[in-house]
């Protein structure tokens, strides 16, 4: 095999090579934690399996309304494994602009966080999910836990409109991944 034949031809191929060559090495280091390549791959595989189990097909768009970090990367690699197109959305955008971007992109899934820095994303998520774009079939939210900045029960605010991140990820355990 030539050296060129061994080179990954996709970004996912580069990720898989890093996982294969250095599974125990740090892939992401944040103030909260260090995550190895193998751990990041495991998180991405669970989410990819959950996307597939939810009927999200290759070529469909997945929106990431997340801060930069481990969750963003895991969702990105999950989308890559599942053949999805990633639509990044800034956590600084107001709800109407997020809804507009979701509609314009025809996103079928949204990965979001309940809070980031000083931004009340629970309230923004409530507004987006109160009248979601017709294309949106799945909303996955990291958190919410406890109360938001205004003292509301954040989990109750989104109940029935969004799936908890870990509950969604569990659906992907052992699921067949697209080749």
N, C-alpha and C. Protein backbone atom coordinates (compact mmCIF):
# COMPACT_ATOMS: atom_id res chain seq x y z
N UNK A 1 0.84 -1.17 0.00
CA UNK A 1 0.00 0.00 0.00
C UNK A 1 0.89 1.24 0.00
N UNK A 2 0.58 2.18 -0.86
CA UNK A 2 1.37 3.40 -0.91
C UNK A 2 1.04 4.29 0.27
N UNK A 3 1.91 5.25 0.53
CA UNK A 3 1.68 6.19 1.64
C UNK A 3 0.41 6.99 1.41
N UNK A 4 0.12 7.34 0.15
CA UNK A 4 -1.10 8.09 -0.16
C UNK A 4 -2.35 7.27 0.13
N UNK A 5 -2.30 5.95 -0.11
CA UNK A 5 -3.46 5.10 0.12
C UNK A 5 -3.79 5.00 1.60
N UNK A 6 -2.79 5.17 2.47
CA UNK A 6 -3.01 5.08 3.91
C UNK A 6 -3.53 6.38 4.51
N UNK A 7 -3.48 7.46 3.77
CA UNK A 7 -3.94 8.75 4.27
C UNK A 7 -5.47 8.80 4.33
N UNK A 8 -6.01 9.30 5.43
CA UNK A 8 -7.48 9.46 5.49
C UNK A 8 -7.93 10.44 4.42
N UNK A 9 -9.06 10.17 3.83
CA UNK A 9 -9.59 11.01 2.76
C UNK A 9 -10.71 11.94 3.24
N UNK A 10 -11.08 11.82 4.49
CA UNK A 10 -12.13 12.66 5.04
C UNK A 10 -11.72 13.17 6.42
N UNK A 11 -12.44 14.16 6.91
CA UNK A 11 -12.20 14.66 8.26
C UNK A 11 -12.53 13.56 9.27
N UNK A 12 -13.60 12.81 9.01
CA UNK A 12 -13.92 11.69 9.89
C UNK A 12 -12.79 10.67 9.88
N UNK A 13 -12.17 10.45 8.73
CA UNK A 13 -11.02 9.54 8.66
C UNK A 13 -9.87 10.01 9.52
N UNK A 14 -9.63 11.31 9.56
CA UNK A 14 -8.58 11.86 10.42
C UNK A 14 -8.92 11.63 11.89
N UNK A 15 -10.17 11.84 12.25
CA UNK A 15 -10.62 11.60 13.61
C UNK A 15 -10.42 10.13 13.98
N UNK A 16 -10.86 9.23 13.10
CA UNK A 16 -10.74 7.79 13.37
C UNK A 16 -9.27 7.37 13.49
N UNK A 17 -8.40 7.99 12.71
CA UNK A 17 -6.98 7.67 12.82
C UNK A 17 -6.44 8.11 14.18
N UNK A 18 -6.83 9.29 14.65
CA UNK A 18 -6.39 9.76 15.97
C UNK A 18 -6.89 8.82 17.06
N UNK A 19 -8.14 8.37 16.94
CA UNK A 19 -8.69 7.43 17.92
C UNK A 19 -7.90 6.13 17.90
N UNK A 20 -7.57 5.66 16.71
CA UNK A 20 -6.85 4.40 16.56
C UNK A 20 -5.41 4.48 17.06
N UNK A 21 -4.74 5.57 16.74
CA UNK A 21 -3.32 5.69 17.06
C UNK A 21 -3.04 6.12 18.50
N UNK A 22 -3.95 6.86 19.11
CA UNK A 22 -3.69 7.37 20.46
C UNK A 22 -4.97 7.41 21.28
N UNK A 23 -5.63 6.28 21.48
CA UNK A 23 -6.93 6.29 22.16
C UNK A 23 -6.90 6.88 23.57
N UNK A 24 -5.79 6.71 24.29
CA UNK A 24 -5.71 7.21 25.66
C UNK A 24 -5.16 8.61 25.79
N UNK A 25 -4.76 9.20 24.69
CA UNK A 25 -4.21 10.55 24.73
C UNK A 25 -5.33 11.58 24.83
N UNK A 26 -5.06 12.71 25.45
CA UNK A 26 -6.10 13.75 25.54
C UNK A 26 -6.48 14.28 24.15
N UNK A 27 -7.78 14.32 23.88
CA UNK A 27 -8.29 14.91 22.65
C UNK A 27 -8.74 16.34 22.91
N UNK A 28 -9.34 16.55 24.10
CA UNK A 28 -9.85 17.85 24.49
C UNK A 28 -9.53 18.06 25.96
N UNK A 29 -9.00 19.22 26.28
CA UNK A 29 -8.73 19.57 27.67
C UNK A 29 -9.44 20.89 27.94
N UNK A 30 -10.32 20.86 28.93
CA UNK A 30 -11.05 22.06 29.34
C UNK A 30 -10.75 22.30 30.81
N UNK A 31 -11.16 23.44 31.35
CA UNK A 31 -10.97 23.65 32.79
C UNK A 31 -11.68 22.60 33.65
N UNK A 32 -12.75 22.01 33.11
CA UNK A 32 -13.53 21.02 33.86
C UNK A 32 -12.98 19.60 33.75
N UNK A 33 -12.42 19.24 32.60
CA UNK A 33 -12.03 17.84 32.39
C UNK A 33 -11.10 17.69 31.19
N UNK A 34 -10.44 16.53 31.16
CA UNK A 34 -9.68 16.12 29.99
C UNK A 34 -10.39 14.89 29.42
N UNK A 35 -10.63 14.88 28.13
CA UNK A 35 -11.33 13.78 27.47
C UNK A 35 -10.38 13.17 26.46
N UNK A 36 -10.23 11.84 26.52
CA UNK A 36 -9.34 11.15 25.59
C UNK A 36 -10.02 10.97 24.24
N UNK A 37 -9.21 10.59 23.26
CA UNK A 37 -9.75 10.30 21.93
C UNK A 37 -10.78 9.18 22.01
N UNK A 38 -10.49 8.13 22.79
CA UNK A 38 -11.41 7.00 22.91
C UNK A 38 -12.72 7.44 23.58
N UNK A 39 -12.64 8.29 24.61
CA UNK A 39 -13.85 8.77 25.28
C UNK A 39 -14.69 9.64 24.34
N UNK A 40 -14.04 10.52 23.60
CA UNK A 40 -14.75 11.37 22.65
C UNK A 40 -15.41 10.52 21.57
N UNK A 41 -14.70 9.50 21.09
CA UNK A 41 -15.25 8.59 20.10
C UNK A 41 -16.45 7.84 20.66
N UNK A 42 -16.37 7.40 21.92
CA UNK A 42 -17.49 6.70 22.54
C UNK A 42 -18.72 7.59 22.63
N UNK A 43 -18.52 8.84 23.03
CA UNK A 43 -19.64 9.78 23.11
C UNK A 43 -20.25 10.02 21.73
N UNK A 44 -19.39 10.19 20.75
CA UNK A 44 -19.86 10.43 19.38
C UNK A 44 -20.61 9.22 18.84
N UNK A 45 -20.11 8.02 19.10
CA UNK A 45 -20.78 6.81 18.62
C UNK A 45 -22.17 6.65 19.25
N UNK A 46 -22.29 6.94 20.54
CA UNK A 46 -23.60 6.85 21.19
C UNK A 46 -24.58 7.84 20.55
N UNK A 47 -24.12 9.06 20.34
CA UNK A 47 -25.01 10.06 19.72
C UNK A 47 -25.34 9.69 18.27
N UNK A 48 -24.36 9.17 17.54
CA UNK A 48 -24.60 8.76 16.15
C UNK A 48 -25.63 7.63 16.11
N UNK A 49 -25.49 6.68 17.02
CA UNK A 49 -26.47 5.59 17.10
C UNK A 49 -27.85 6.11 17.44
N UNK A 50 -27.92 7.07 18.33
CA UNK A 50 -29.21 7.66 18.71
C UNK A 50 -29.82 8.42 17.54
N UNK A 51 -28.99 9.14 16.78
CA UNK A 51 -29.50 9.82 15.58
C UNK A 51 -30.08 8.81 14.60
N UNK A 52 -29.33 7.74 14.35
CA UNK A 52 -29.81 6.70 13.43
C UNK A 52 -31.11 6.08 13.96
N UNK A 53 -31.15 5.78 15.26
CA UNK A 53 -32.34 5.18 15.86
C UNK A 53 -33.54 6.12 15.78
N UNK A 54 -33.29 7.44 15.77
CA UNK A 54 -34.36 8.43 15.66
C UNK A 54 -34.80 8.64 14.21
N UNK A 55 -34.18 7.92 13.28
CA UNK A 55 -34.57 8.04 11.88
C UNK A 55 -33.91 9.19 11.15
N UNK A 56 -32.87 9.76 11.73
CA UNK A 56 -32.15 10.85 11.07
C UNK A 56 -31.22 10.22 10.03
N UNK A 57 -31.43 10.56 8.77
CA UNK A 57 -30.71 9.92 7.67
C UNK A 57 -29.52 10.73 7.19
N UNK A 58 -28.64 10.04 6.51
CA UNK A 58 -27.48 10.67 5.90
C UNK A 58 -27.94 11.81 4.99
N UNK A 59 -27.21 12.92 5.06
CA UNK A 59 -27.53 14.09 4.24
C UNK A 59 -28.44 15.09 4.93
N UNK A 60 -29.13 14.66 5.99
CA UNK A 60 -29.99 15.60 6.70
C UNK A 60 -29.15 16.51 7.59
N UNK A 61 -29.71 17.66 7.93
CA UNK A 61 -28.96 18.69 8.67
C UNK A 61 -29.22 18.62 10.16
N UNK A 62 -28.11 18.75 10.92
CA UNK A 62 -28.13 18.72 12.37
C UNK A 62 -27.59 20.07 12.85
N UNK A 63 -28.38 20.78 13.65
CA UNK A 63 -27.95 22.08 14.16
C UNK A 63 -27.31 21.91 15.54
N UNK A 64 -26.19 22.61 15.74
CA UNK A 64 -25.48 22.60 17.01
C UNK A 64 -25.54 24.00 17.61
N UNK A 65 -26.39 24.18 18.60
CA UNK A 65 -26.54 25.45 19.32
C UNK A 65 -25.88 25.25 20.68
N UNK A 66 -24.57 25.13 20.62
CA UNK A 66 -23.76 24.76 21.78
C UNK A 66 -22.52 25.64 21.86
N UNK A 67 -22.01 25.84 23.07
CA UNK A 67 -20.71 26.50 23.18
C UNK A 67 -19.61 25.56 22.69
N UNK A 68 -18.48 26.12 22.34
CA UNK A 68 -17.34 25.30 21.94
C UNK A 68 -16.95 24.42 23.11
N UNK A 69 -16.75 23.14 22.88
CA UNK A 69 -16.37 22.25 23.96
C UNK A 69 -16.61 20.80 23.58
N UNK A 70 -16.57 19.95 24.59
CA UNK A 70 -16.68 18.50 24.38
C UNK A 70 -18.02 18.13 23.76
N UNK A 71 -19.12 18.70 24.25
CA UNK A 71 -20.43 18.36 23.69
C UNK A 71 -20.52 18.74 22.22
N UNK A 72 -20.01 19.92 21.86
CA UNK A 72 -20.03 20.35 20.47
C UNK A 72 -19.26 19.35 19.61
N UNK A 73 -18.07 18.97 20.06
CA UNK A 73 -17.26 18.02 19.30
C UNK A 73 -17.92 16.66 19.20
N UNK A 74 -18.49 16.16 20.29
CA UNK A 74 -19.15 14.85 20.25
C UNK A 74 -20.33 14.87 19.28
N UNK A 75 -21.12 15.93 19.30
CA UNK A 75 -22.25 16.04 18.38
C UNK A 75 -21.76 16.18 16.94
N UNK A 76 -20.69 16.92 16.73
CA UNK A 76 -20.12 17.08 15.39
C UNK A 76 -19.67 15.74 14.83
N UNK A 77 -18.92 14.98 15.63
CA UNK A 77 -18.42 13.68 15.15
C UNK A 77 -19.56 12.68 15.00
N UNK A 78 -20.59 12.80 15.82
CA UNK A 78 -21.78 11.94 15.65
C UNK A 78 -22.43 12.22 14.31
N UNK A 79 -22.58 13.50 14.00
CA UNK A 79 -23.17 13.87 12.71
C UNK A 79 -22.30 13.36 11.55
N UNK A 80 -20.99 13.48 11.68
CA UNK A 80 -20.09 12.99 10.64
C UNK A 80 -20.25 11.48 10.45
N UNK A 81 -20.32 10.75 11.55
CA UNK A 81 -20.51 9.28 11.48
C UNK A 81 -21.83 8.92 10.83
N UNK A 82 -22.84 9.73 11.09
CA UNK A 82 -24.18 9.45 10.57
C UNK A 82 -24.38 10.03 9.17
N UNK A 83 -23.38 10.75 8.66
CA UNK A 83 -23.49 11.33 7.32
C UNK A 83 -24.31 12.60 7.27
N UNK A 84 -24.44 13.28 8.41
CA UNK A 84 -25.25 14.49 8.47
C UNK A 84 -24.41 15.74 8.20
N UNK A 85 -25.09 16.79 7.82
CA UNK A 85 -24.48 18.10 7.61
C UNK A 85 -24.65 18.89 8.90
N UNK A 86 -23.56 19.46 9.41
CA UNK A 86 -23.61 20.24 10.65
C UNK A 86 -23.92 21.70 10.34
N UNK A 87 -24.87 22.24 11.08
CA UNK A 87 -25.24 23.65 10.99
C UNK A 87 -24.90 24.28 12.34
N UNK A 88 -23.74 24.96 12.45
CA UNK A 88 -23.39 25.58 13.73
C UNK A 88 -24.20 26.86 13.95
N UNK A 89 -24.67 27.03 15.18
CA UNK A 89 -25.45 28.22 15.54
C UNK A 89 -24.83 28.85 16.78
N UNK A 90 -24.56 30.12 16.72
CA UNK A 90 -23.94 30.83 17.84
C UNK A 90 -24.86 30.87 19.05
N UNK A 91 -24.29 30.64 20.22
CA UNK A 91 -25.07 30.73 21.46
C UNK A 91 -25.47 32.17 21.75
N UNK A 92 -24.91 33.11 21.04
CA UNK A 92 -25.20 34.54 21.27
C UNK A 92 -26.42 35.04 20.47
N UNK A 93 -26.97 34.21 19.59
CA UNK A 93 -28.09 34.65 18.78
C UNK A 93 -29.39 34.63 19.57
N UNK A 94 -30.27 35.60 19.31
CA UNK A 94 -31.59 35.57 19.94
C UNK A 94 -32.46 34.46 19.33
N UNK A 95 -33.49 34.07 20.04
CA UNK A 95 -34.33 32.93 19.66
C UNK A 95 -34.88 33.05 18.24
N UNK A 96 -35.36 34.22 17.84
CA UNK A 96 -35.95 34.36 16.50
C UNK A 96 -34.92 34.08 15.42
N UNK A 97 -33.69 34.54 15.60
CA UNK A 97 -32.66 34.27 14.60
C UNK A 97 -32.28 32.79 14.59
N UNK A 98 -32.30 32.15 15.75
CA UNK A 98 -32.04 30.70 15.79
C UNK A 98 -33.13 29.97 15.03
N UNK A 99 -34.39 30.32 15.31
CA UNK A 99 -35.51 29.68 14.61
C UNK A 99 -35.39 29.89 13.11
N UNK A 100 -35.04 31.11 12.69
CA UNK A 100 -34.89 31.40 11.26
C UNK A 100 -33.79 30.54 10.63
N UNK A 101 -32.67 30.39 11.33
CA UNK A 101 -31.57 29.57 10.80
C UNK A 101 -31.96 28.10 10.72
N UNK A 102 -32.67 27.62 11.73
CA UNK A 102 -33.14 26.23 11.70
C UNK A 102 -34.07 26.01 10.51
N UNK A 103 -34.97 26.95 10.28
CA UNK A 103 -35.92 26.83 9.17
C UNK A 103 -35.20 26.92 7.83
N UNK A 104 -34.31 27.89 7.69
CA UNK A 104 -33.59 28.07 6.43
C UNK A 104 -32.74 26.84 6.09
N UNK A 105 -32.11 26.27 7.10
CA UNK A 105 -31.25 25.10 6.88
C UNK A 105 -32.07 23.81 6.77
N UNK A 106 -33.35 23.87 7.11
CA UNK A 106 -34.20 22.68 7.16
C UNK A 106 -33.59 21.63 8.08
N UNK A 107 -33.12 22.09 9.24
CA UNK A 107 -32.52 21.20 10.24
C UNK A 107 -33.57 20.25 10.78
N UNK A 108 -33.20 18.96 10.89
CA UNK A 108 -34.12 17.95 11.42
C UNK A 108 -33.84 17.67 12.89
N UNK A 109 -32.66 18.07 13.36
CA UNK A 109 -32.31 17.85 14.77
C UNK A 109 -31.56 19.06 15.29
N UNK A 110 -31.74 19.31 16.58
CA UNK A 110 -31.07 20.42 17.25
C UNK A 110 -30.44 19.89 18.53
N UNK A 111 -29.14 20.12 18.67
CA UNK A 111 -28.43 19.85 19.92
C UNK A 111 -28.18 21.20 20.58
N UNK A 112 -28.59 21.33 21.83
CA UNK A 112 -28.48 22.63 22.51
C UNK A 112 -28.07 22.41 23.96
N UNK A 113 -27.77 23.52 24.61
CA UNK A 113 -27.47 23.50 26.03
C UNK A 113 -28.46 24.42 26.73
N UNK A 114 -28.76 24.12 27.98
CA UNK A 114 -29.73 24.91 28.73
C UNK A 114 -29.16 26.23 29.22
N UNK A 115 -27.86 26.35 29.29
CA UNK A 115 -27.27 27.59 29.76
C UNK A 115 -25.82 27.71 29.37
N UNK A 116 -25.41 28.93 29.18
CA UNK A 116 -24.03 29.20 28.84
C UNK A 116 -23.69 30.61 29.28
N UNK A 117 -22.67 30.70 30.13
CA UNK A 117 -22.24 31.99 30.68
C UNK A 117 -23.44 32.74 31.22
N UNK A 118 -23.69 33.96 30.77
CA UNK A 118 -24.78 34.77 31.30
C UNK A 118 -26.04 34.70 30.45
N UNK A 119 -26.10 33.75 29.53
CA UNK A 119 -27.22 33.66 28.60
C UNK A 119 -28.26 32.68 29.12
N UNK A 120 -29.52 33.12 29.20
CA UNK A 120 -30.63 32.26 29.62
C UNK A 120 -31.12 31.50 28.39
N UNK A 121 -30.46 30.39 28.10
CA UNK A 121 -30.84 29.62 26.93
C UNK A 121 -32.12 28.82 27.13
N UNK A 122 -32.54 28.60 28.39
CA UNK A 122 -33.81 27.92 28.61
C UNK A 122 -34.94 28.79 28.04
N UNK A 123 -34.93 30.06 28.33
CA UNK A 123 -35.96 30.95 27.81
C UNK A 123 -35.90 31.01 26.28
N UNK A 124 -34.71 31.06 25.73
CA UNK A 124 -34.57 31.08 24.27
C UNK A 124 -35.05 29.76 23.66
N UNK A 125 -34.69 28.65 24.29
CA UNK A 125 -35.16 27.34 23.82
C UNK A 125 -36.68 27.24 23.89
N UNK A 126 -37.27 27.77 24.95
CA UNK A 126 -38.73 27.77 25.06
C UNK A 126 -39.35 28.50 23.86
N UNK A 127 -38.79 29.65 23.49
CA UNK A 127 -39.33 30.42 22.37
C UNK A 127 -39.13 29.68 21.04
N UNK A 128 -37.97 29.08 20.86
CA UNK A 128 -37.70 28.34 19.61
C UNK A 128 -38.61 27.12 19.51
N UNK A 129 -38.74 26.37 20.60
CA UNK A 129 -39.50 25.12 20.56
C UNK A 129 -41.01 25.32 20.70
N UNK A 130 -41.45 26.54 21.04
CA UNK A 130 -42.88 26.82 21.10
C UNK A 130 -43.49 26.77 19.70
N UNK A 131 -42.73 27.16 18.71
CA UNK A 131 -43.18 27.13 17.31
C UNK A 131 -41.98 26.72 16.45
N UNK A 132 -41.55 25.47 16.56
CA UNK A 132 -40.35 25.04 15.84
C UNK A 132 -40.59 24.98 14.33
N UNK A 133 -39.52 25.09 13.55
CA UNK A 133 -39.67 24.92 12.11
C UNK A 133 -40.24 23.53 11.80
N UNK A 134 -40.97 23.42 10.71
CA UNK A 134 -41.62 22.16 10.35
C UNK A 134 -40.63 21.01 10.19
N UNK A 135 -39.40 21.31 9.79
CA UNK A 135 -38.41 20.26 9.56
C UNK A 135 -37.88 19.65 10.85
N UNK A 136 -37.95 20.37 11.97
CA UNK A 136 -37.31 19.92 13.21
C UNK A 136 -38.09 18.77 13.84
N UNK A 137 -37.42 17.60 13.95
CA UNK A 137 -38.05 16.40 14.52
C UNK A 137 -37.49 16.04 15.89
N UNK A 138 -36.25 16.46 16.17
CA UNK A 138 -35.57 16.07 17.41
C UNK A 138 -34.88 17.29 18.01
N UNK A 139 -35.10 17.50 19.31
CA UNK A 139 -34.37 18.54 20.05
C UNK A 139 -33.75 17.86 21.26
N UNK A 140 -32.44 17.98 21.38
CA UNK A 140 -31.68 17.35 22.45
C UNK A 140 -30.99 18.45 23.25
N UNK A 141 -31.19 18.43 24.57
CA UNK A 141 -30.67 19.51 25.40
C UNK A 141 -29.80 18.96 26.52
N UNK A 142 -28.60 19.52 26.64
CA UNK A 142 -27.70 19.19 27.76
C UNK A 142 -28.25 19.93 28.96
N UNK A 143 -28.58 19.19 29.99
CA UNK A 143 -29.28 19.76 31.13
C UNK A 143 -30.75 19.61 30.82
N UNK A 144 -31.58 20.44 31.19
CA UNK A 144 -31.34 21.43 32.21
C UNK A 144 -31.40 20.80 33.60
N UNK A 145 -30.67 21.33 34.48
CA UNK A 145 -30.69 20.82 35.85
C UNK A 145 -30.94 21.99 36.79
N UNK A 146 -31.76 21.77 37.77
CA UNK A 146 -32.00 22.82 38.75
C UNK A 146 -32.86 23.94 38.21
N UNK A 147 -32.52 25.14 38.62
CA UNK A 147 -33.31 26.31 38.25
C UNK A 147 -32.50 27.24 37.36
N UNK A 148 -33.20 27.91 36.46
CA UNK A 148 -32.51 28.85 35.59
C UNK A 148 -32.31 30.17 36.32
N UNK A 149 -31.81 31.18 35.61
CA UNK A 149 -31.46 32.46 36.23
C UNK A 149 -32.65 33.16 36.89
N UNK A 150 -33.87 32.91 36.38
CA UNK A 150 -35.05 33.57 36.95
C UNK A 150 -35.70 32.75 38.07
N UNK A 151 -35.12 31.58 38.39
CA UNK A 151 -35.67 30.75 39.46
C UNK A 151 -36.66 29.70 39.00
N UNK A 152 -36.95 29.64 37.69
CA UNK A 152 -37.87 28.62 37.17
C UNK A 152 -37.20 27.25 37.18
N UNK A 153 -38.01 26.20 37.28
CA UNK A 153 -37.52 24.83 37.14
C UNK A 153 -37.22 24.64 35.66
N UNK A 154 -35.94 24.59 35.31
CA UNK A 154 -35.53 24.54 33.92
C UNK A 154 -36.00 23.27 33.22
N UNK A 155 -36.00 22.14 33.92
CA UNK A 155 -36.45 20.89 33.31
C UNK A 155 -37.92 20.94 32.95
N UNK A 156 -38.74 21.48 33.84
CA UNK A 156 -40.18 21.58 33.58
C UNK A 156 -40.46 22.53 32.42
N UNK A 157 -39.64 23.55 32.25
CA UNK A 157 -39.86 24.53 31.19
C UNK A 157 -39.77 23.90 29.80
N UNK A 158 -38.96 22.85 29.65
CA UNK A 158 -38.76 22.24 28.33
C UNK A 158 -39.39 20.85 28.20
N UNK A 159 -40.02 20.38 29.26
CA UNK A 159 -40.59 19.03 29.25
C UNK A 159 -41.56 18.84 28.10
N UNK A 160 -41.41 17.73 27.41
CA UNK A 160 -42.28 17.42 26.29
C UNK A 160 -41.85 18.02 24.97
N UNK A 161 -40.91 18.96 25.02
CA UNK A 161 -40.46 19.60 23.78
C UNK A 161 -39.02 19.27 23.45
N UNK A 162 -38.28 18.77 24.43
CA UNK A 162 -36.87 18.44 24.21
C UNK A 162 -36.53 17.18 25.00
N UNK A 163 -35.54 16.47 24.50
CA UNK A 163 -35.06 15.26 25.15
C UNK A 163 -33.76 15.57 25.86
N UNK A 164 -33.62 15.05 27.08
CA UNK A 164 -32.38 15.21 27.82
C UNK A 164 -31.25 14.54 27.05
N UNK A 165 -30.09 15.18 27.03
CA UNK A 165 -28.92 14.72 26.29
C UNK A 165 -28.57 13.26 26.63
N UNK A 166 -28.45 12.96 27.91
CA UNK A 166 -28.04 11.61 28.31
C UNK A 166 -29.12 10.58 27.98
N UNK A 167 -30.39 10.94 28.12
CA UNK A 167 -31.46 10.02 27.73
C UNK A 167 -31.39 9.72 26.23
N UNK A 168 -31.15 10.75 25.44
CA UNK A 168 -31.03 10.57 23.99
C UNK A 168 -29.83 9.69 23.67
N UNK A 169 -28.69 9.98 24.29
CA UNK A 169 -27.46 9.23 24.01
C UNK A 169 -27.63 7.75 24.35
N UNK A 170 -28.35 7.45 25.43
CA UNK A 170 -28.56 6.04 25.81
C UNK A 170 -29.29 5.26 24.71
N UNK A 171 -30.11 5.93 23.95
CA UNK A 171 -30.83 5.27 22.85
C UNK A 171 -29.87 4.76 21.77
N UNK A 172 -28.67 5.33 21.76
CA UNK A 172 -27.69 4.95 20.75
C UNK A 172 -26.75 3.84 21.17
N UNK A 173 -26.85 3.41 22.43
CA UNK A 173 -25.95 2.35 22.90
C UNK A 173 -26.24 1.05 22.16
N UNK A 174 -25.24 0.54 21.48
CA UNK A 174 -25.37 -0.72 20.75
C UNK A 174 -26.10 -0.59 19.42
N UNK A 175 -26.52 0.62 19.04
CA UNK A 175 -27.22 0.79 17.77
C UNK A 175 -26.25 0.65 16.61
N UNK A 176 -26.76 0.14 15.51
CA UNK A 176 -25.95 0.00 14.30
C UNK A 176 -25.65 1.38 13.73
N UNK A 177 -24.39 1.60 13.38
CA UNK A 177 -23.99 2.87 12.78
C UNK A 177 -23.89 2.74 11.27
N UNK A 178 -24.20 3.79 10.55
CA UNK A 178 -24.05 3.75 9.10
C UNK A 178 -22.61 3.51 8.71
N UNK A 179 -22.41 2.82 7.62
CA UNK A 179 -21.04 2.56 7.13
C UNK A 179 -20.54 3.73 6.33
